Amino acid sequence: MSKEIKCINCNRRVQANERLKSGQKYCGREECQRERRRRWYREKIKTDNKYSKKQKECKRKWRDKKPAHKYQSDYRASHPKYVESNREKQRERNRRRQKVENQSTKEKIVKIDALNSEVIEKAKTYRMRILSGKKIVKIDTLIVELQEYKGLMAAQGQK
């Protein structure tokens, strides 16, 4: 009689693999097995210092043999379809960016948290409004629009 398990990755109920003795937590789907290996690797790195050191050493040797700039240029040279696809995606992002009416709310490719050329006067009060929109780089940066706020100054002038 086959036993059923509930996969902890996809939450599907599946027949347990009879060849596994016990403790099966994942189904046989490729994505679930990938997640099982990913979790095992993270746990192994955390708990086994010898294994962790060996992995770091292997990665260091690989990086020494294949510096990032060389690796990327070699990859692009050997994968022309990837290069063309990436260029087309960038053209599409540029087209979408050009459609935005307001220059200050445009998506920025690099340094999205830098101030633009407009000068902000220090002696004024500003209202900050969060802008929505996709960001390409530095996704943890908050993009805001500053607008001069006259309500507070007007209220102070009336008192």
N, C-alpha and C. Protein backbone atom coordinates (compact mmCIF):
# COMPACT_ATOMS: atom_id res chain seq x y z
N MET A 1 0.84 -1.18 0.00
CA MET A 1 0.00 0.00 0.00
C MET A 1 0.88 1.24 0.00
N SER A 2 0.64 2.15 -0.94
CA SER A 2 1.45 3.34 -1.06
C SER A 2 1.00 4.41 -0.08
N LYS A 3 1.98 5.10 0.39
CA LYS A 3 1.73 6.19 1.33
C LYS A 3 1.72 7.51 0.56
N GLU A 4 0.91 8.45 1.01
CA GLU A 4 0.88 9.78 0.39
C GLU A 4 1.65 10.76 1.25
N ILE A 5 2.31 11.72 0.59
CA ILE A 5 2.98 12.81 1.30
C ILE A 5 2.49 14.13 0.73
N LYS A 6 2.69 15.19 1.51
CA LYS A 6 2.40 16.54 1.03
C LYS A 6 3.75 17.24 0.84
N CYS A 7 4.03 17.64 -0.40
CA CYS A 7 5.30 18.29 -0.73
C CYS A 7 5.36 19.65 -0.02
N ILE A 8 6.47 19.91 0.68
CA ILE A 8 6.57 21.18 1.42
C ILE A 8 6.93 22.35 0.51
N ASN A 9 7.22 22.08 -0.75
CA ASN A 9 7.51 23.17 -1.68
C ASN A 9 6.26 23.60 -2.45
N CYS A 10 5.58 22.65 -3.05
CA CYS A 10 4.42 22.99 -3.90
C CYS A 10 3.08 22.68 -3.23
N ASN A 11 3.10 22.06 -2.05
CA ASN A 11 1.88 21.71 -1.28
C ASN A 11 0.96 20.72 -1.97
N ARG A 12 1.47 20.01 -2.96
CA ARG A 12 0.66 18.99 -3.63
C ARG A 12 0.76 17.67 -2.88
N ARG A 13 -0.34 16.91 -2.91
CA ARG A 13 -0.31 15.57 -2.33
C ARG A 13 0.10 14.60 -3.44
N VAL A 14 1.14 13.80 -3.16
CA VAL A 14 1.66 12.85 -4.14
C VAL A 14 1.96 11.52 -3.46
N GLN A 15 2.09 10.49 -4.27
CA GLN A 15 2.48 9.17 -3.75
C GLN A 15 3.94 9.23 -3.31
N ALA A 16 4.21 8.68 -2.15
CA ALA A 16 5.58 8.64 -1.64
C ALA A 16 6.40 7.69 -2.51
N ASN A 17 7.66 7.98 -2.66
CA ASN A 17 8.57 7.12 -3.40
C ASN A 17 8.89 5.91 -2.52
N GLU A 18 8.55 4.72 -2.98
CA GLU A 18 8.73 3.51 -2.18
C GLU A 18 10.20 3.19 -1.93
N ARG A 19 11.09 3.68 -2.80
CA ARG A 19 12.52 3.40 -2.63
C ARG A 19 13.15 4.22 -1.51
N LEU A 20 12.48 5.31 -1.11
CA LEU A 20 12.99 6.11 0.00
C LEU A 20 12.44 5.53 1.29
N LYS A 21 13.30 5.37 2.29
CA LYS A 21 12.89 4.69 3.52
C LYS A 21 11.82 5.47 4.28
N SER A 22 12.11 6.72 4.61
CA SER A 22 11.13 7.53 5.33
C SER A 22 11.56 8.99 5.30
N GLY A 23 10.67 9.84 5.72
CA GLY A 23 11.02 11.25 5.82
C GLY A 23 10.98 12.02 4.52
N GLN A 24 10.32 11.48 3.49
CA GLN A 24 10.23 12.19 2.23
C GLN A 24 9.38 13.43 2.42
N LYS A 25 9.93 14.59 2.00
CA LYS A 25 9.22 15.85 2.20
C LYS A 25 8.92 16.55 0.88
N TYR A 26 9.55 16.13 -0.19
CA TYR A 26 9.40 16.79 -1.49
C TYR A 26 8.90 15.78 -2.52
N CYS A 27 8.11 16.28 -3.47
CA CYS A 27 7.69 15.42 -4.57
C CYS A 27 8.82 15.34 -5.60
N GLY A 28 8.61 14.61 -6.67
CA GLY A 28 9.66 14.38 -7.65
C GLY A 28 9.76 15.45 -8.74
N ARG A 29 8.89 16.47 -8.69
CA ARG A 29 8.94 17.52 -9.72
C ARG A 29 10.30 18.20 -9.68
N GLU A 30 10.77 18.59 -10.86
CA GLU A 30 12.11 19.17 -10.99
C GLU A 30 12.29 20.41 -10.12
N GLU A 31 11.30 21.31 -10.11
CA GLU A 31 11.45 22.54 -9.33
C GLU A 31 11.48 22.25 -7.83
N CYS A 32 10.75 21.24 -7.40
CA CYS A 32 10.75 20.88 -5.97
C CYS A 32 12.08 20.23 -5.58
N GLN A 33 12.62 19.41 -6.46
CA GLN A 33 13.93 18.81 -6.19
C GLN A 33 15.03 19.87 -6.17
N ARG A 34 14.91 20.86 -7.06
CA ARG A 34 15.87 21.96 -7.08
C ARG A 34 15.83 22.71 -5.74
N GLU A 35 14.61 22.96 -5.25
CA GLU A 35 14.44 23.65 -3.97
C GLU A 35 14.99 22.80 -2.82
N ARG A 36 14.78 21.49 -2.87
CA ARG A 36 15.32 20.58 -1.84
C ARG A 36 16.84 20.68 -1.79
N ARG A 37 17.48 20.64 -2.96
CA ARG A 37 18.95 20.74 -3.01
C ARG A 37 19.42 22.11 -2.54
N ARG A 38 18.70 23.15 -2.94
CA ARG A 38 19.06 24.52 -2.54
C ARG A 38 19.04 24.66 -1.01
N ARG A 39 17.98 24.14 -0.38
CA ARG A 39 17.87 24.21 1.08
C ARG A 39 18.95 23.38 1.76
N TRP A 40 19.22 22.19 1.22
CA TRP A 40 20.27 21.35 1.79
C TRP A 40 21.60 22.08 1.75
N TYR A 41 21.90 22.70 0.60
CA TYR A 41 23.17 23.39 0.43
C TYR A 41 23.29 24.55 1.43
N ARG A 42 22.25 25.36 1.57
CA ARG A 42 22.29 26.49 2.52
C ARG A 42 22.53 26.00 3.94
N GLU A 43 21.83 24.94 4.31
CA GLU A 43 21.98 24.39 5.67
C GLU A 43 23.38 23.81 5.88
N LYS A 44 23.88 23.14 4.86
CA LYS A 44 25.22 22.54 4.96
C LYS A 44 26.29 23.62 5.11
N ILE A 45 26.18 24.69 4.35
CA ILE A 45 27.12 25.82 4.44
C ILE A 45 27.07 26.43 5.84
N LYS A 46 25.85 26.55 6.40
CA LYS A 46 25.70 27.16 7.73
C LYS A 46 26.30 26.31 8.84
N THR A 47 26.12 24.99 8.74
CA THR A 47 26.45 24.12 9.87
C THR A 47 27.79 23.39 9.75
N ASP A 48 28.33 23.24 8.56
CA ASP A 48 29.56 22.47 8.37
C ASP A 48 30.70 23.39 7.92
N ASN A 49 31.55 23.77 8.88
CA ASN A 49 32.64 24.71 8.58
C ASN A 49 33.63 24.16 7.56
N LYS A 50 33.92 22.88 7.64
CA LYS A 50 34.86 22.27 6.71
C LYS A 50 34.32 22.34 5.28
N TYR A 51 33.07 21.98 5.11
CA TYR A 51 32.42 22.03 3.80
C TYR A 51 32.38 23.47 3.28
N SER A 52 32.02 24.40 4.17
CA SER A 52 31.93 25.81 3.80
C SER A 52 33.27 26.34 3.31
N LYS A 53 34.34 26.02 4.03
CA LYS A 53 35.68 26.48 3.63
C LYS A 53 36.07 25.89 2.27
N LYS A 54 35.75 24.62 2.07
CA LYS A 54 36.07 23.97 0.80
C LYS A 54 35.32 24.63 -0.36
N GLN A 55 34.06 24.95 -0.15
CA GLN A 55 33.26 25.61 -1.19
C GLN A 55 33.83 26.99 -1.52
N LYS A 56 34.19 27.75 -0.49
CA LYS A 56 34.77 29.09 -0.70
C LYS A 56 36.07 28.99 -1.48
N GLU A 57 36.88 28.01 -1.15
CA GLU A 57 38.16 27.82 -1.85
C GLU A 57 37.93 27.47 -3.32
N CYS A 58 36.97 26.60 -3.58
CA CYS A 58 36.65 26.23 -4.97
C CYS A 58 36.16 27.44 -5.76
N LYS A 59 35.31 28.25 -5.14
CA LYS A 59 34.81 29.45 -5.82
C LYS A 59 35.93 30.44 -6.07
N ARG A 60 36.84 30.59 -5.10
CA ARG A 60 37.97 31.50 -5.27
C ARG A 60 38.86 31.06 -6.43
N LYS A 61 39.14 29.76 -6.52
CA LYS A 61 39.96 29.24 -7.62
C LYS A 61 39.27 29.48 -8.96
N TRP A 62 37.96 29.25 -9.00
CA TRP A 62 37.22 29.46 -10.24
C TRP A 62 37.28 30.93 -10.66
N ARG A 63 37.10 31.85 -9.69
CA ARG A 63 37.16 33.29 -10.00
C ARG A 63 38.56 33.69 -10.46
N ASP A 64 39.59 33.08 -9.88
CA ASP A 64 40.96 33.39 -10.31
C ASP A 64 41.18 32.98 -11.76
N LYS A 65 40.61 31.84 -12.15
CA LYS A 65 40.75 31.37 -13.53
C LYS A 65 39.88 32.15 -14.50
N LYS A 66 38.74 32.65 -14.01
CA LYS A 66 37.79 33.34 -14.89
C LYS A 66 37.40 34.69 -14.27
N PRO A 67 38.23 35.71 -14.44
CA PRO A 67 37.86 37.04 -13.91
C PRO A 67 36.52 37.48 -14.51
N ALA A 68 35.76 38.24 -13.74
CA ALA A 68 34.39 38.61 -14.13
C ALA A 68 34.34 39.30 -15.49
N HIS A 69 35.20 40.27 -15.73
CA HIS A 69 35.13 40.99 -17.00
C HIS A 69 35.44 40.06 -18.18
N LYS A 70 36.38 39.15 -17.98
CA LYS A 70 36.74 38.20 -19.04
C LYS A 70 35.62 37.18 -19.25
N TYR A 71 35.07 36.70 -18.15
CA TYR A 71 34.00 35.71 -18.22
C TYR A 71 32.80 36.28 -18.98
N GLN A 72 32.41 37.51 -18.63
CA GLN A 72 31.25 38.12 -19.28
C GLN A 72 31.49 38.35 -20.76
N SER A 73 32.66 38.84 -21.12
CA SER A 73 32.92 39.09 -22.55
C SER A 73 32.99 37.77 -23.32
N ASP A 74 33.57 36.74 -22.72
CA ASP A 74 33.61 35.41 -23.36
C ASP A 74 32.19 34.87 -23.54
N TYR A 75 31.37 35.04 -22.51
CA TYR A 75 29.99 34.54 -22.58
C TYR A 75 29.24 35.24 -23.71
N ARG A 76 29.37 36.56 -23.78
CA ARG A 76 28.68 37.31 -24.84
C ARG A 76 29.18 36.90 -26.22
N ALA A 77 30.46 36.67 -26.33
CA ALA A 77 31.04 36.28 -27.62
C ALA A 77 30.52 34.91 -28.06
N SER A 78 30.29 34.02 -27.11
CA SER A 78 29.85 32.67 -27.46
C SER A 78 28.32 32.50 -27.46
N HIS A 79 27.57 33.54 -27.09
CA HIS A 79 26.12 33.48 -27.06
C HIS A 79 25.50 34.69 -27.77
N PRO A 80 25.59 34.73 -29.09
CA PRO A 80 25.07 35.90 -29.83
C PRO A 80 23.56 36.09 -29.68
N LYS A 81 22.81 35.00 -29.53
CA LYS A 81 21.36 35.14 -29.35
C LYS A 81 21.04 35.86 -28.04
N TYR A 82 21.80 35.55 -26.98
CA TYR A 82 21.62 36.23 -25.70
C TYR A 82 21.89 37.72 -25.85
N VAL A 83 22.96 38.07 -26.55
CA VAL A 83 23.34 39.47 -26.73
C VAL A 83 22.22 40.22 -27.46
N GLU A 84 21.72 39.64 -28.53
CA GLU A 84 20.66 40.30 -29.30
C GLU A 84 19.38 40.42 -28.48
N SER A 85 19.03 39.38 -27.74
CA SER A 85 17.84 39.41 -26.90
C SER A 85 17.98 40.50 -25.82
N ASN A 86 19.15 40.58 -25.22
CA ASN A 86 19.39 41.59 -24.18
C ASN A 86 19.30 43.00 -24.77
N ARG A 87 19.85 43.19 -25.95
CA ARG A 87 19.78 44.51 -26.59
C ARG A 87 18.34 44.90 -26.90
N GLU A 88 17.56 43.93 -27.38
CA GLU A 88 16.16 44.21 -27.69
C GLU A 88 15.38 44.56 -26.42
N LYS A 89 15.64 43.85 -25.34
CA LYS A 89 14.97 44.16 -24.07
C LYS A 89 15.34 45.56 -23.60
N GLN A 90 16.61 45.94 -23.76
CA GLN A 90 17.03 47.28 -23.36
C GLN A 90 16.36 48.34 -24.23
N ARG A 91 16.24 48.08 -25.53
CA ARG A 91 15.54 49.02 -26.42
C ARG A 91 14.09 49.20 -25.96
N GLU A 92 13.45 48.11 -25.59
CA GLU A 92 12.06 48.17 -25.12
C GLU A 92 11.97 48.98 -23.82
N ARG A 93 12.90 48.76 -22.89
CA ARG A 93 12.91 49.55 -21.65
C ARG A 93 13.10 51.03 -21.97
N ASN A 94 13.98 51.33 -22.91
CA ASN A 94 14.22 52.72 -23.31
C ASN A 94 12.97 53.34 -23.93
N ARG A 95 12.25 52.56 -24.76
CA ARG A 95 11.02 53.07 -25.37
C ARG A 95 9.98 53.38 -24.30
N ARG A 96 9.82 52.47 -23.33
CA ARG A 96 8.86 52.70 -22.25
C ARG A 96 9.25 53.93 -21.44
N ARG A 97 10.53 54.08 -21.20
CA ARG A 97 11.02 55.21 -20.41
C ARG A 97 10.74 56.53 -21.12
N GLN A 98 10.84 56.55 -22.46
CA GLN A 98 10.62 57.78 -23.21
C GLN A 98 9.16 58.19 -23.23
N LYS A 99 8.24 57.24 -22.99
CA LYS A 99 6.82 57.54 -23.01
C LYS A 99 6.37 58.31 -21.77
N VAL A 100 7.15 58.28 -20.74
CA VAL A 100 6.77 58.95 -19.50
C VAL A 100 6.75 60.46 -19.73
N GLU A 101 5.62 61.10 -19.39
CA GLU A 101 5.50 62.54 -19.68
C GLU A 101 6.40 63.39 -18.80
N ASN A 102 6.38 63.14 -17.52
CA ASN A 102 7.11 63.98 -16.58
C ASN A 102 8.56 63.54 -16.48
N GLN A 103 9.49 64.41 -16.82
CA GLN A 103 10.92 64.10 -16.84
C GLN A 103 11.41 63.62 -15.47
N SER A 104 10.88 64.18 -14.38
CA SER A 104 11.38 63.83 -13.05
C SER A 104 10.94 62.45 -12.59
N THR A 105 9.90 61.87 -13.22
CA THR A 105 9.44 60.55 -12.81
C THR A 105 9.96 59.44 -13.71
N LYS A 106 10.86 59.75 -14.62
CA LYS A 106 11.38 58.73 -15.52
C LYS A 106 12.13 57.65 -14.75
N GLU A 107 12.09 56.43 -15.29
CA GLU A 107 12.93 55.37 -14.76
C GLU A 107 14.37 55.72 -15.06
N LYS A 108 15.22 55.50 -14.10
CA LYS A 108 16.63 55.75 -14.32
C LYS A 108 17.34 54.39 -14.42
N ILE A 109 18.37 54.31 -15.24
CA ILE A 109 19.10 53.06 -15.37
C ILE A 109 20.13 52.94 -14.25
N VAL A 110 20.84 54.01 -13.97
CA VAL A 110 21.89 53.98 -12.96
C VAL A 110 21.69 55.17 -12.02
N LYS A 111 22.07 55.00 -10.78
CA LYS A 111 22.00 56.05 -9.77
C LYS A 111 20.62 56.70 -9.70
N ILE A 112 19.61 55.87 -9.46
CA ILE A 112 18.26 56.40 -9.41
C ILE A 112 18.03 57.25 -8.18
N ASP A 113 18.93 57.18 -7.19
CA ASP A 113 18.74 57.98 -5.99
C ASP A 113 19.48 59.31 -6.06
N ALA A 114 20.14 59.62 -7.16
CA ALA A 114 20.86 60.88 -7.29
C ALA A 114 19.90 61.99 -7.67
N LEU A 115 20.19 63.20 -7.20
CA LEU A 115 19.35 64.34 -7.57
C LEU A 115 19.60 64.70 -9.02
N ASN A 116 18.56 65.15 -9.68
CA ASN A 116 18.74 65.59 -11.06
C ASN A 116 19.25 67.03 -11.07
N SER A 117 19.29 67.66 -12.21
CA SER A 117 19.92 68.97 -12.34
C SER A 117 19.11 70.11 -11.73
N GLU A 118 17.85 69.84 -11.38
CA GLU A 118 17.05 70.89 -10.78
C GLU A 118 17.60 71.23 -9.39
N VAL A 119 17.66 72.52 -9.09
CA VAL A 119 18.19 72.96 -7.80
C VAL A 119 17.05 73.06 -6.79
N ILE A 120 17.25 72.51 -5.62
CA ILE A 120 16.26 72.58 -4.56
C ILE A 120 16.65 73.73 -3.64
N GLU A 121 15.74 74.68 -3.47
CA GLU A 121 16.03 75.82 -2.60
C GLU A 121 15.90 75.38 -1.15
N LYS A 122 16.91 75.70 -0.34
CA LYS A 122 16.97 75.21 1.04
C LYS A 122 15.98 75.90 1.97
N ALA A 123 15.62 77.14 1.72
CA ALA A 123 14.80 77.91 2.64
C ALA A 123 13.31 77.65 2.50
N LYS A 124 12.92 76.70 1.71
CA LYS A 124 11.50 76.43 1.49
C LYS A 124 11.10 75.11 2.13
N THR A 125 9.82 74.93 2.30
CA THR A 125 9.28 73.68 2.82
C THR A 125 8.78 72.87 1.64
N TYR A 126 9.06 71.57 1.68
CA TYR A 126 8.67 70.71 0.58
C TYR A 126 7.78 69.58 1.08
N ARG A 127 6.90 69.12 0.19
CA ARG A 127 6.10 67.94 0.44
C ARG A 127 6.72 66.81 -0.34
N MET A 128 6.86 65.65 0.28
CA MET A 128 7.47 64.51 -0.39
C MET A 128 6.37 63.53 -0.77
N ARG A 129 6.38 63.09 -2.02
CA ARG A 129 5.39 62.16 -2.53
C ARG A 129 6.12 60.96 -3.11
N ILE A 130 5.74 59.77 -2.69
CA ILE A 130 6.38 58.56 -3.20
C ILE A 130 5.89 58.31 -4.62
N LEU A 131 6.85 58.06 -5.51
CA LEU A 131 6.51 57.76 -6.90
C LEU A 131 6.53 56.26 -7.11
N SER A 132 5.56 55.77 -7.86
CA SER A 132 5.56 54.35 -8.18
C SER A 132 6.20 54.18 -9.55
N GLY A 133 6.65 53.01 -9.81
CA GLY A 133 7.27 52.73 -11.10
C GLY A 133 8.37 51.71 -10.93
N LYS A 134 8.72 51.08 -12.01
CA LYS A 134 9.75 50.05 -11.96
C LYS A 134 11.12 50.69 -11.92
N LYS A 135 12.02 50.04 -11.19
CA LYS A 135 13.39 50.48 -11.12
C LYS A 135 14.26 49.35 -11.66
N ILE A 136 15.31 49.68 -12.35
CA ILE A 136 16.17 48.66 -12.93
C ILE A 136 17.30 48.31 -11.98
N VAL A 137 17.89 49.32 -11.35
CA VAL A 137 19.05 49.10 -10.48
C VAL A 137 18.72 49.67 -9.11
N LYS A 138 19.35 49.15 -8.07
CA LYS A 138 19.19 49.62 -6.70
C LYS A 138 17.72 49.61 -6.30
N ILE A 139 17.13 48.44 -6.22
CA ILE A 139 15.70 48.32 -5.95
C ILE A 139 15.33 48.73 -4.53
N ASP A 140 16.31 48.92 -3.64
CA ASP A 140 15.99 49.32 -2.28
C ASP A 140 15.90 50.83 -2.11
N THR A 141 16.08 51.58 -3.17
CA THR A 141 16.04 53.04 -3.10
C THR A 141 14.60 53.52 -3.24
N LEU A 142 14.24 54.50 -2.42
CA LEU A 142 12.91 55.09 -2.48
C LEU A 142 12.96 56.30 -3.39
N ILE A 143 12.11 56.35 -4.39
CA ILE A 143 12.07 57.48 -5.31
C ILE A 143 10.92 58.38 -4.89
N VAL A 144 11.21 59.66 -4.71
CA VAL A 144 10.18 60.60 -4.29
C VAL A 144 10.20 61.82 -5.20
N GLU A 145 9.09 62.54 -5.19
CA GLU A 145 9.00 63.81 -5.90
C GLU A 145 8.85 64.88 -4.84
N LEU A 146 9.63 65.94 -4.94
CA LEU A 146 9.54 67.05 -3.99
C LEU A 146 8.72 68.16 -4.63
N GLN A 147 7.70 68.63 -3.91
CA GLN A 147 6.88 69.73 -4.38
C GLN A 147 6.88 70.79 -3.30
N GLU A 148 6.97 72.04 -3.71
CA GLU A 148 6.94 73.11 -2.72
C GLU A 148 5.61 73.07 -2.00
N TYR A 149 5.66 73.15 -0.69
CA TYR A 149 4.46 73.05 0.14
C TYR A 149 4.14 74.42 0.69
N LYS A 150 3.04 75.00 0.25
CA LYS A 150 2.67 76.35 0.65
C LYS A 150 1.65 76.36 1.77
N GLY A 151 1.00 75.24 2.03
CA GLY A 151 -0.04 75.18 3.05
C GLY A 151 0.47 75.52 4.43
N LEU A 152 1.62 75.01 4.81
CA LEU A 152 2.19 75.25 6.12
C LEU A 152 2.59 76.72 6.27
N MET A 153 3.22 77.27 5.24
CA MET A 153 3.68 78.66 5.29
C MET A 153 2.48 79.60 5.32
N ALA A 154 1.43 79.28 4.59
CA ALA A 154 0.23 80.11 4.59
C ALA A 154 -0.43 80.08 5.95
N ALA A 155 -0.45 78.90 6.59
CA ALA A 155 -1.05 78.77 7.91
C ALA A 155 -0.26 79.56 8.94
N GLN A 156 1.06 79.59 8.85
CA GLN A 156 1.89 80.35 9.78
C GLN A 156 1.70 81.85 9.57
N GLY A 157 1.50 82.26 8.33
CA GLY A 157 1.31 83.67 8.02
C GLY A 157 0.00 84.21 8.55
N GLN A 158 -1.03 83.36 8.70
CA GLN A 158 -2.34 83.78 9.18
C GLN A 158 -2.35 83.96 10.69
N LYS A 159 -1.47 83.26 11.40
CA LYS A 159 -1.46 83.33 12.87
C LYS A 159 -0.85 84.58 13.37
